[in-house]
PDB file of N, CA and C in Angstrom:
ATOM      1  N   UNK A   1       1.351  -0.805  -0.138  1.00  0.00           N
ATOM      2  CA  UNK A   1       0.135   0.505   0.415  1.00  0.00           C
ATOM      3  C   UNK A   1       0.987   1.417  -0.124  1.00  0.00           C
ATOM      4  N   UNK A   2       2.474   0.881   0.217  1.00  0.00           N
ATOM      5  CA  UNK A   2       3.352   2.421   0.574  1.00  0.00           C
ATOM      6  C   UNK A   2       2.817   3.058  -0.867  1.00  0.00           C
ATOM      7  N   UNK A   3       2.505   2.484  -2.312  1.00  0.00           N
ATOM      8  CA  UNK A   3       2.866   2.851  -3.497  1.00  0.00           C
ATOM      9  C   UNK A   3       1.266   4.010  -3.701  1.00  0.00           C
ATOM     10  N   UNK A   4       0.493   4.122  -2.642  1.00  0.00           N
ATOM     11  CA  UNK A   4      -1.124   4.548  -2.915  1.00  0.00           C
ATOM     12  C   UNK A   4      -0.564   6.156  -1.737  1.00  0.00           C
ATOM     13  N   UNK A   5      -0.098   5.917  -0.566  1.00  0.00           N
ATOM     14  CA  UNK A   5       0.654   7.104  -0.012  1.00  0.00           C
ATOM     15  C   UNK A   5       0.905   8.580  -0.726  1.00  0.00           C
ATOM     16  N   UNK A   6       1.869   8.706  -2.090  1.00  0.00           N
ATOM     17  CA  UNK A   6       2.049   8.657  -3.451  1.00  0.00           C
ATOM     18  C   UNK A   6       1.064  10.064  -3.452  1.00  0.00           C
ATOM     19  N   UNK A   7      -0.162  10.201  -3.462  1.00  0.00           N
ATOM     20  CA  UNK A   7      -1.859  10.617  -3.969  1.00  0.00           C
ATOM     21  C   UNK A   7      -2.358  11.572  -2.675  1.00  0.00           C
ATOM     22  N   UNK A   8      -3.105  11.952  -2.692  1.00  0.00           N
ATOM     23  CA  UNK A   8      -3.985  12.475  -2.042  1.00  0.00           C
ATOM     24  C   UNK A   8      -5.054  12.267  -1.587  1.00  0.00           C
ATOM     25  N   UNK A   9      -4.717  12.545   0.178  1.00  0.00           N
ATOM     26  CA  UNK A   9      -6.408  11.792   1.000  1.00  0.00           C
ATOM     27  C   UNK A   9      -7.698  11.441   0.443  1.00  0.00           C
ATOM     28  N   UNK A  10      -7.512  12.705  -0.718  1.00  0.00           N
ATOM     29  CA  UNK A  10      -8.741  13.367  -0.945  1.00  0.00           C
ATOM     30  C   UNK A  10      -9.512  12.083  -2.375  1.00  0.00           C
ATOM     31  N   UNK A  11      -7.933  12.228  -2.632  1.00  0.00           N
ATOM     32  CA  UNK A  11      -7.983  11.520  -4.310  1.00  0.00           C
ATOM     33  C   UNK A  11      -8.411   9.512  -3.705  1.00  0.00           C
ATOM     34  N   UNK A  12      -7.484   9.283  -2.947  1.00  0.00           N
ATOM     35  CA  UNK A  12      -8.137   8.117  -2.407  1.00  0.00           C
ATOM     36  C   UNK A  12      -9.621   7.710  -1.860  1.00  0.00           C
ATOM     37  N   UNK A  13      -9.715   8.237  -1.343  1.00  0.00           N
ATOM     38  CA  UNK A  13     -10.853   7.817  -0.125  1.00  0.00           C
ATOM     39  C   UNK A  13     -12.098   8.192  -1.229  1.00  0.00           C
ATOM     40  N   UNK A  14     -11.878   7.883  -2.271  1.00  0.00           N
ATOM     41  CA  UNK A  14     -12.923   8.505  -2.971  1.00  0.00           C
ATOM     42  C   UNK A  14     -12.955   6.840  -4.090  1.00  0.00           C
ATOM     43  N   UNK A  15     -11.734   6.221  -3.117  1.00  0.00           N
ATOM     44  CA  UNK A  15     -11.810   4.160  -4.132  1.00  0.00           C
ATOM     45  C   UNK A  15     -11.699   3.665  -2.559  1.00  0.00           C
ATOM     46  N   UNK A  16     -12.635   2.490  -2.530  1.00  0.00           N
ATOM     47  CA  UNK A  16     -13.403   1.550  -2.047  1.00  0.00           C
ATOM     48  C   UNK A  16     -12.224   0.271  -1.701  1.00  0.00           C
ATOM     49  N   UNK A  17     -11.752   0.790  -3.393  1.00  0.00           N
ATOM     50  CA  UNK A  17     -10.934  -1.034  -3.252  1.00  0.00           C
ATOM     51  C   UNK A  17      -9.871  -0.025  -4.368  1.00  0.00           C
ATOM     52  N   UNK A  18      -8.367  -0.598  -4.081  1.00  0.00           N
ATOM     53  CA  UNK A  18      -6.569  -0.109  -5.165  1.00  0.00           C
ATOM     54  C   UNK A  18      -6.426  -1.832  -5.298  1.00  0.00           C
ATOM     55  N   UNK A  19      -6.323  -1.587  -6.029  1.00  0.00           N
ATOM     56  CA  UNK A  19      -5.946  -2.732  -6.833  1.00  0.00           C
ATOM     57  C   UNK A  19      -4.208  -2.401  -7.354  1.00  0.00           C
ATOM     58  N   UNK A  20      -3.290  -3.322  -7.327  1.00  0.00           N
ATOM     59  CA  UNK A  20      -1.666  -2.667  -7.655  1.00  0.00           C
ATOM     60  C   UNK A  20      -1.604  -3.782  -8.907  1.00  0.00           C
ATOM     61  N   UNK A  21      -1.396  -2.350  -9.736  1.00  0.00           N
ATOM     62  CA  UNK A  21      -1.224  -2.916 -10.818  1.00  0.00           C
ATOM     63  C   UNK A  21       0.355  -3.035 -11.166  1.00  0.00           C
ATOM     64  N   UNK A  22       1.396  -3.876 -11.422  1.00  0.00           N
ATOM     65  CA  UNK A  22       3.299  -3.982 -11.534  1.00  0.00           C
ATOM     66  C   UNK A  22       3.154  -4.199 -12.748  1.00  0.00           C
ATOM     67  N   UNK A  23       3.943  -3.622 -13.366  1.00  0.00           N
ATOM     68  CA  UNK A  23       5.051  -3.731 -14.887  1.00  0.00           C
ATOM     69  C   UNK A  23       6.117  -4.176 -14.584  1.00  0.00           C
ATOM     70  N   UNK A  24       6.343  -5.723 -14.552  1.00  0.00           N
ATOM     71  CA  UNK A  24       6.974  -6.266 -14.414  1.00  0.00           C
ATOM     72  C   UNK A  24       8.429  -6.177 -16.143  1.00  0.00           C
ATOM     73  N   UNK A  25       9.836  -5.694 -15.463  1.00  0.00           N
ATOM     74  CA  UNK A  25      10.623  -5.524 -16.507  1.00  0.00           C
ATOM     75  C   UNK A  25      10.634  -6.633 -17.955  1.00  0.00           C
ATOM     76  N   UNK A  26       9.815  -6.441 -19.243  1.00  0.00           N
ATOM     77  CA  UNK A  26      11.070  -7.680 -20.147  1.00  0.00           C
ATOM     78  C   UNK A  26      11.182  -7.116 -21.113  1.00  0.00           C
ATOM     79  N   UNK A  27      12.320  -6.476 -21.768  1.00  0.00           N
ATOM     80  CA  UNK A  27      12.681  -6.643 -22.874  1.00  0.00           C
ATOM     81  C   UNK A  27      12.286  -6.829 -23.990  1.00  0.00           C
ATOM     82  N   UNK A  28      11.425  -8.378 -24.102  1.00  0.00           N
ATOM     83  CA  UNK A  28      11.192  -9.077 -25.074  1.00  0.00           C
ATOM     84  C   UNK A  28       9.153  -8.295 -25.745  1.00  0.00           C
ATOM     85  N   UNK A  29       8.671  -8.279 -24.336  1.00  0.00           N
ATOM     86  CA  UNK A  29       7.635  -7.867 -24.200  1.00  0.00           C
ATOM     87  C   UNK A  29       7.080  -5.829 -24.388  1.00  0.00           C
ATOM     88  N   UNK A  30       7.644  -5.891 -23.835  1.00  0.00           N
ATOM     89  CA  UNK A  30       8.085  -4.592 -23.821  1.00  0.00           C
ATOM     90  C   UNK A  30       8.206  -4.079 -25.300  1.00  0.00           C
ATOM     91  N   UNK A  31       9.246  -4.341 -26.188  1.00  0.00           N
ATOM     92  CA  UNK A  31       9.596  -4.452 -27.210  1.00  0.00           C
ATOM     93  C   UNK A  31       8.382  -5.032 -28.592  1.00  0.00           C
ATOM     94  N   UNK A  32       8.084  -5.120 -28.195  1.00  0.00           N
ATOM     95  CA  UNK A  32       6.647  -6.100 -29.363  1.00  0.00           C
ATOM     96  C   UNK A  32       6.061  -5.163 -28.996  1.00  0.00           C
ATOM     97  N   UNK A  33       5.077  -4.973 -27.479  1.00  0.00           N
ATOM     98  CA  UNK A  33       4.114  -3.050 -27.407  1.00  0.00           C
ATOM     99  C   UNK A  33       5.154  -1.705 -28.415  1.00  0.00           C
ATOM    100  N   UNK A  34       6.365  -1.536 -27.786  1.00  0.00           N
ATOM    101  CA  UNK A  34       6.283  -0.716 -28.980  1.00  0.00           C
ATOM    102  C   UNK A  34       6.590  -0.969 -30.258  1.00  0.00           C
ATOM    103  N   UNK A  35       6.449  -1.191 -31.130  1.00  0.00           N
ATOM    104  CA  UNK A  35       7.536  -1.958 -32.265  1.00  0.00           C
ATOM    105  C   UNK A  35       5.410  -1.619 -32.552  1.00  0.00           C
ATOM    106  N   UNK A  36       4.533  -2.342 -31.965  1.00  0.00           N
ATOM    107  CA  UNK A  36       2.773  -2.445 -32.441  1.00  0.00           C
ATOM    108  C   UNK A  36       2.630  -0.922 -32.891  1.00  0.00           C
ATOM    109  N   UNK A  37       2.962  -0.151 -30.881  1.00  0.00           N
ATOM    110  CA  UNK A  37       2.559   0.606 -31.130  1.00  0.00           C
ATOM    111  C   UNK A  37       3.080   2.414 -31.685  1.00  0.00           C
ATOM    112  N   UNK A  38       3.893   1.678 -32.427  1.00  0.00           N
ATOM    113  CA  UNK A  38       4.070   2.463 -33.734  1.00  0.00           C
ATOM    114  C   UNK A  38       3.594   2.408 -34.909  1.00  0.00           C
ATOM    115  N   UNK A  39       3.901   1.391 -34.796  1.00  0.00           N
ATOM    116  CA  UNK A  39       3.278   0.921 -36.325  1.00  0.00           C
ATOM    117  C   UNK A  39       1.569   1.890 -36.658  1.00  0.00           C
ATOM    118  N   UNK A  40       0.574   1.574 -35.233  1.00  0.00           N
ATOM    119  CA  UNK A  40      -0.370   1.524 -35.079  1.00  0.00           C
ATOM    120  C   UNK A  40       0.167   3.084 -35.636  1.00  0.00           C
ATOM    121  N   UNK A  41       0.957   3.940 -34.762  1.00  0.00           N
ATOM    122  CA  UNK A  41       0.308   4.977 -34.951  1.00  0.00           C
ATOM    123  C   UNK A  41       1.227   6.144 -36.490  1.00  0.00           C
ATOM    124  N   UNK A  42       2.072   4.744 -37.080  1.00  0.00           N
ATOM    125  CA  UNK A  42       3.240   5.335 -38.694  1.00  0.00           C
ATOM    126  C   UNK A  42       1.629   5.514 -40.116  1.00  0.00           C
ATOM    127  N   UNK A  43       0.777   4.039 -39.574  1.00  0.00           N
ATOM    128  CA  UNK A  43       0.211   4.075 -39.997  1.00  0.00           C
ATOM    129  C   UNK A  43      -1.568   3.992 -40.436  1.00  0.00           C
ATOM    130  N   UNK A  44      -2.290   4.082 -38.804  1.00  0.00           N
ATOM    131  CA  UNK A  44      -2.948   4.582 -38.550  1.00  0.00           C
ATOM    132  C   UNK A  44      -3.949   3.692 -38.376  1.00  0.00           C
ATOM    133  N   UNK A  45      -3.783   2.787 -38.208  1.00  0.00           N
ATOM    134  CA  UNK A  45      -4.329   0.631 -38.148  1.00  0.00           C
ATOM    135  C   UNK A  45      -3.634   0.305 -37.573  1.00  0.00           C
ATOM    136  N   UNK A  46      -4.616  -0.517 -37.412  1.00  0.00           N
ATOM    137  CA  UNK A  46      -4.374  -1.651 -36.415  1.00  0.00           C
ATOM    138  C   UNK A  46      -2.678  -3.125 -37.053  1.00  0.00           C
ATOM    139  N   UNK A  47      -1.991  -3.758 -37.462  1.00  0.00           N
ATOM    140  CA  UNK A  47      -0.779  -4.559 -37.843  1.00  0.00           C
ATOM    141  C   UNK A  47      -1.663  -5.950 -38.592  1.00  0.00           C
ATOM    142  N   UNK A  48      -1.438  -5.933 -39.279  1.00  0.00           N
ATOM    143  CA  UNK A  48      -2.219  -7.156 -40.361  1.00  0.00           C
ATOM    144  C   UNK A  48      -1.857  -8.824 -38.595  1.00  0.00           C
ATOM    145  N   UNK A  49      -2.596  -9.111 -37.934  1.00  0.00           N
ATOM    146  CA  UNK A  49      -2.334 -10.463 -37.257  1.00  0.00           C
ATOM    147  C   UNK A  49      -2.140 -11.451 -37.511  1.00  0.00           C
ATOM    148  N   UNK A  50      -1.409 -12.344 -37.099  1.00  0.00           N
ATOM    149  CA  UNK A  50      -1.243 -13.405 -37.089  1.00  0.00           C
ATOM    150  C   UNK A  50      -1.709 -14.536 -36.929  1.00  0.00           C
ATOM    151  N   UNK A  51      -3.327 -14.248 -36.644  1.00  0.00           N
ATOM    152  CA  UNK A  51      -3.746 -15.514 -36.671  1.00  0.00           C
ATOM    153  C   UNK A  51      -5.472 -15.891 -36.803  1.00  0.00           C
ATOM    154  N   UNK A  52      -5.746 -16.428 -36.879  1.00  0.00           N
ATOM    155  CA  UNK A  52      -7.020 -15.777 -37.753  1.00  0.00           C
ATOM    156  C   UNK A  52      -7.830 -14.819 -36.816  1.00  0.00           C
ATOM    157  N   UNK A  53      -9.046 -13.778 -36.192  1.00  0.00           N
ATOM    158  CA  UNK A  53      -9.463 -13.051 -35.351  1.00  0.00           C
ATOM    159  C   UNK A  53     -11.404 -13.676 -35.934  1.00  0.00           C
ATOM    160  N   UNK A  54     -12.016 -13.988 -35.065  1.00  0.00           N
ATOM    161  CA  UNK A  54     -13.552 -14.494 -33.419  1.00  0.00           C
ATOM    162  C   UNK A  54     -13.767 -13.899 -34.912  1.00  0.00           C
ATOM    163  N   UNK A  55     -15.062 -14.339 -36.283  1.00  0.00           N
ATOM    164  CA  UNK A  55     -15.582 -13.783 -36.496  1.00  0.00           C
ATOM    165  C   UNK A  55     -16.771 -13.038 -35.849  1.00  0.00           C
ATOM    166  N   UNK A  56     -16.936 -12.096 -36.841  1.00  0.00           N
ATOM    167  CA  UNK A  56     -17.891 -11.117 -36.057  1.00  0.00           C
ATOM    168  C   UNK A  56     -19.627 -11.672 -35.247  1.00  0.00           C
ATOM    169  N   UNK A  57     -20.138 -12.555 -36.394  1.00  0.00           N
ATOM    170  CA  UNK A  57     -21.524 -12.779 -35.580  1.00  0.00           C
ATOM    171  C   UNK A  57     -21.035 -13.597 -34.490  1.00  0.00           C
ATOM    172  N   UNK A  58     -20.207 -14.315 -34.534  1.00  0.00           N
ATOM    173  CA  UNK A  58     -19.944 -15.173 -32.974  1.00  0.00           C
ATOM    174  C   UNK A  58     -19.827 -14.509 -31.913  1.00  0.00           C
ATOM    175  N   UNK A  59     -18.514 -13.454 -32.331  1.00  0.00           N
ATOM    176  CA  UNK A  59     -17.963 -11.790 -30.906  1.00  0.00           C
ATOM    177  C   UNK A  59     -19.181 -11.695 -31.119  1.00  0.00           C
ATOM    178  N   UNK A  60     -20.376 -10.807 -32.209  1.00  0.00           N
ATOM    179  CA  UNK A  60     -21.687 -10.341 -31.309  1.00  0.00           C
ATOM    180  C   UNK A  60     -22.429 -10.597 -30.860  1.00  0.00           C
ATOM    181  N   UNK A  61     -23.035 -12.686 -30.916  1.00  0.00           N
ATOM    182  CA  UNK A  61     -23.642 -13.295 -29.873  1.00  0.00           C
ATOM    183  C   UNK A  61     -22.275 -13.215 -27.824  1.00  0.00           C
ATOM    184  N   UNK A  62     -21.302 -13.775 -28.956  1.00  0.00           N
ATOM    185  CA  UNK A  62     -19.941 -13.516 -27.147  1.00  0.00           C
ATOM    186  C   UNK A  62     -20.223 -11.960 -26.789  1.00  0.00           C
ATOM    187  N   UNK A  63     -20.716 -10.797 -27.118  1.00  0.00           N
ATOM    188  CA  UNK A  63     -20.635  -9.730 -26.260  1.00  0.00           C
ATOM    189  C   UNK A  63     -21.712  -9.528 -25.538  1.00  0.00           C
ATOM    190  N   UNK A  64     -23.321 -10.067 -26.708  1.00  0.00           N
ATOM    191  CA  UNK A  64     -24.610  -9.493 -26.549  1.00  0.00           C
ATOM    192  C   UNK A  64     -25.079 -11.110 -25.246  1.00  0.00           C
ATOM    193  N   UNK A  65     -24.363 -11.881 -25.414  1.00  0.00           N
ATOM    194  CA  UNK A  65     -24.124 -12.770 -24.038  1.00  0.00           C
ATOM    195  C   UNK A  65     -23.935 -12.138 -22.326  1.00  0.00           C
ATOM    196  N   UNK A  66     -22.909 -11.927 -22.399  1.00  0.00           N
ATOM    197  CA  UNK A  66     -21.833 -11.238 -21.346  1.00  0.00           C
ATOM    198  C   UNK A  66     -23.293 -10.034 -20.761  1.00  0.00           C
ATOM    199  N   UNK A  67     -24.392  -9.601 -22.344  1.00  0.00           N
ATOM    200  CA  UNK A  67     -24.629  -8.430 -21.447  1.00  0.00           C
ATOM    201  C   UNK A  67     -25.751  -8.898 -20.221  1.00  0.00           C
ATOM    202  N   UNK A  68     -26.077  -9.650 -21.131  1.00  0.00           N
ATOM    203  CA  UNK A  68     -27.900 -10.182 -19.883  1.00  0.00           C
ATOM    204  C   UNK A  68     -27.122 -11.132 -18.998  1.00  0.00           C
ATOM    205  N   UNK A  69     -26.119 -10.986 -18.287  1.00  0.00           N
ATOM    206  CA  UNK A  69     -24.960 -11.594 -17.320  1.00  0.00           C
ATOM    207  C   UNK A  69     -24.931 -10.956 -16.465  1.00  0.00           C
ATOM    208  N   UNK A  70     -25.947 -10.891 -15.266  1.00  0.00           N
ATOM    209  CA  UNK A  70     -26.019  -9.805 -13.736  1.00  0.00           C
ATOM    210  C   UNK A  70     -25.665 -10.867 -12.528  1.00  0.00           C
ATOM    211  N   UNK A  71     -24.172 -10.098 -12.761  1.00  0.00           N
ATOM    212  CA  UNK A  71     -23.440 -11.427 -11.387  1.00  0.00           C
ATOM    213  C   UNK A  71     -24.056 -10.979  -9.872  1.00  0.00           C
ATOM    214  N   UNK A  72     -23.819 -11.603  -9.518  1.00  0.00           N
ATOM    215  CA  UNK A  72     -23.811 -11.236  -8.226  1.00  0.00           C
ATOM    216  C   UNK A  72     -23.317 -12.105  -7.201  1.00  0.00           C
ATOM    217  N   UNK A  73     -22.147 -10.900  -5.902  1.00  0.00           N
ATOM    218  CA  UNK A  73     -21.830 -11.006  -5.017  1.00  0.00           C
ATOM    219  C   UNK A  73     -22.281 -12.445  -4.344  1.00  0.00           C
ATOM    220  N   UNK A  74     -21.912 -13.107  -3.967  1.00  0.00           N
ATOM    221  CA  UNK A  74     -22.016 -14.022  -2.283  1.00  0.00           C
ATOM    222  C   UNK A  74     -22.199 -14.123  -0.881  1.00  0.00           C
ATOM    223  N   UNK A  75     -23.002 -13.831  -0.289  1.00  0.00           N
ATOM    224  CA  UNK A  75     -23.723 -13.894   1.645  1.00  0.00           C
ATOM    225  C   UNK A  75     -22.468 -13.481   1.197  1.00  0.00           C
ATOM    226  N   UNK A  76     -21.394 -14.510   1.917  1.00  0.00           N
ATOM    227  CA  UNK A  76     -20.276 -14.386   2.811  1.00  0.00           C
ATOM    228  C   UNK A  76     -19.131 -13.420   2.233  1.00  0.00           C
ATOM    229  N   UNK A  77     -18.777 -14.026   0.979  1.00  0.00           N
ATOM    230  CA  UNK A  77     -18.118 -12.930   0.036  1.00  0.00           C
ATOM    231  C   UNK A  77     -18.461 -11.545   0.422  1.00  0.00           C
ATOM    232  N   UNK A  78     -19.680 -11.108   0.410  1.00  0.00           N
ATOM    233  CA  UNK A  78     -19.916  -9.629   1.160  1.00  0.00           C
ATOM    234  C   UNK A  78     -19.502  -9.676   2.412  1.00  0.00           C
ATOM    235  N   UNK A  79     -20.069  -9.942   3.113  1.00  0.00           N
ATOM    236  CA  UNK A  79     -19.420 -10.270   4.716  1.00  0.00           C
ATOM    237  C   UNK A  79     -17.971 -10.641   5.239  1.00  0.00           C
ATOM    238  N   UNK A  80     -17.321 -11.096   4.429  1.00  0.00           N
ATOM    239  CA  UNK A  80     -15.904 -11.260   4.381  1.00  0.00           C
ATOM    240  C   UNK A  80     -15.158  -9.651   4.211  1.00  0.00           C
ATOM    241  N   UNK A  81     -15.894  -9.006   2.819  1.00  0.00           N
ATOM    242  CA  UNK A  81     -14.999  -7.270   2.333  1.00  0.00           C
ATOM    243  C   UNK A  81     -15.807  -6.840   3.121  1.00  0.00           C
ATOM    244  N   UNK A  82     -16.646  -7.063   4.360  1.00  0.00           N
ATOM    245  CA  UNK A  82     -17.369  -5.998   4.590  1.00  0.00           C
ATOM    246  C   UNK A  82     -16.423  -5.758   5.501  1.00  0.00           C
ATOM    247  N   UNK A  83     -16.289  -6.626   7.153  1.00  0.00           N
ATOM    248  CA  UNK A  83     -15.119  -7.079   7.745  1.00  0.00           C
ATOM    249  C   UNK A  83     -14.014  -7.213   7.966  1.00  0.00           C
ATOM    250  N   UNK A  84     -13.337  -6.838   6.267  1.00  0.00           N
ATOM    251  CA  UNK A  84     -12.037  -6.189   6.236  1.00  0.00           C
ATOM    252  C   UNK A  84     -12.080  -5.433   6.359  1.00  0.00           C
ATOM    253  N   UNK A  85     -12.580  -4.329   4.682  1.00  0.00           N
ATOM    254  CA  UNK A  85     -13.014  -2.861   4.820  1.00  0.00           C
ATOM    255  C   UNK A  85     -12.861  -1.573   6.693  1.00  0.00           C
ATOM    256  N   UNK A  86     -13.733  -2.755   7.479  1.00  0.00           N
ATOM    257  CA  UNK A  86     -13.862  -2.331   8.364  1.00  0.00           C
ATOM    258  C   UNK A  86     -13.067  -2.400   9.731  1.00  0.00           C
ATOM    259  N   UNK A  87     -11.319  -3.122   9.187  1.00  0.00           N
ATOM    260  CA  UNK A  87     -10.802  -3.242  10.142  1.00  0.00           C
ATOM    261  C   UNK A  87      -9.671  -2.968   9.504  1.00  0.00           C
ATOM    262  N   UNK A  88      -9.766  -2.169   8.030  1.00  0.00           N
ATOM    263  CA  UNK A  88      -9.044  -1.880   7.596  1.00  0.00           C
ATOM    264  C   UNK A  88      -7.904  -0.456   8.332  1.00  0.00           C
ATOM    265  N   UNK A  89      -7.175  -0.321   8.771  1.00  0.00           N
ATOM    266  CA  UNK A  89      -6.998   1.127   8.969  1.00  0.00           C
ATOM    267  C   UNK A  89      -6.827   2.077   8.682  1.00  0.00           C
ATOM    268  N   UNK A  90      -7.176   3.306   9.369  1.00  0.00           N
ATOM    269  CA  UNK A  90      -6.793   4.786   8.523  1.00  0.00           C
ATOM    270  C   UNK A  90      -6.364   5.471   8.374  1.00  0.00           C
ATOM    271  N   UNK A  91      -5.830   5.683   6.738  1.00  0.00           N
ATOM    272  CA  UNK A  91      -5.148   6.309   6.312  1.00  0.00           C
ATOM    273  C   UNK A  91      -4.327   7.952   7.223  1.00  0.00           C
ATOM    274  N   UNK A  92      -3.868   8.415   6.207  1.00  0.00           N
ATOM    275  CA  UNK A  92      -2.682   9.278   6.874  1.00  0.00           C
ATOM    276  C   UNK A  92      -3.664  10.360   6.449  1.00  0.00           C
ATOM    277  N   UNK A  93      -4.427  11.519   7.538  1.00  0.00           N
ATOM    278  CA  UNK A  93      -5.136  13.204   6.245  1.00  0.00           C
ATOM    279  C   UNK A  93      -6.148  12.109   6.357  1.00  0.00           C
ATOM    280  N   UNK A  94      -6.990  11.679   7.080  1.00  0.00           N
ATOM    281  CA  UNK A  94      -8.861  11.144   6.760  1.00  0.00           C
ATOM    282  C   UNK A  94      -9.328  11.259   7.757  1.00  0.00           C
TER     283      UNK A  94
END
């Protein structure tokens, strides 16, 4: 949580959950991402994929199906989150 201490308490107080995403240096992945971004900006389009994309009608069906799902939180998980929230230490400046 120490990385979040750089941000003002007023900003952090707007969020109930903070998720730290770490970017671990990887020369090959970083190079591939940089090449992709450069190609997109130079040519104003996606580079040719080296795989067959999902058919558009299947993608539409997939998106439509997942829009219809109404996720729920199990009661025991909700209780657990409430307990964790209650026990979290007060942050400085709040």
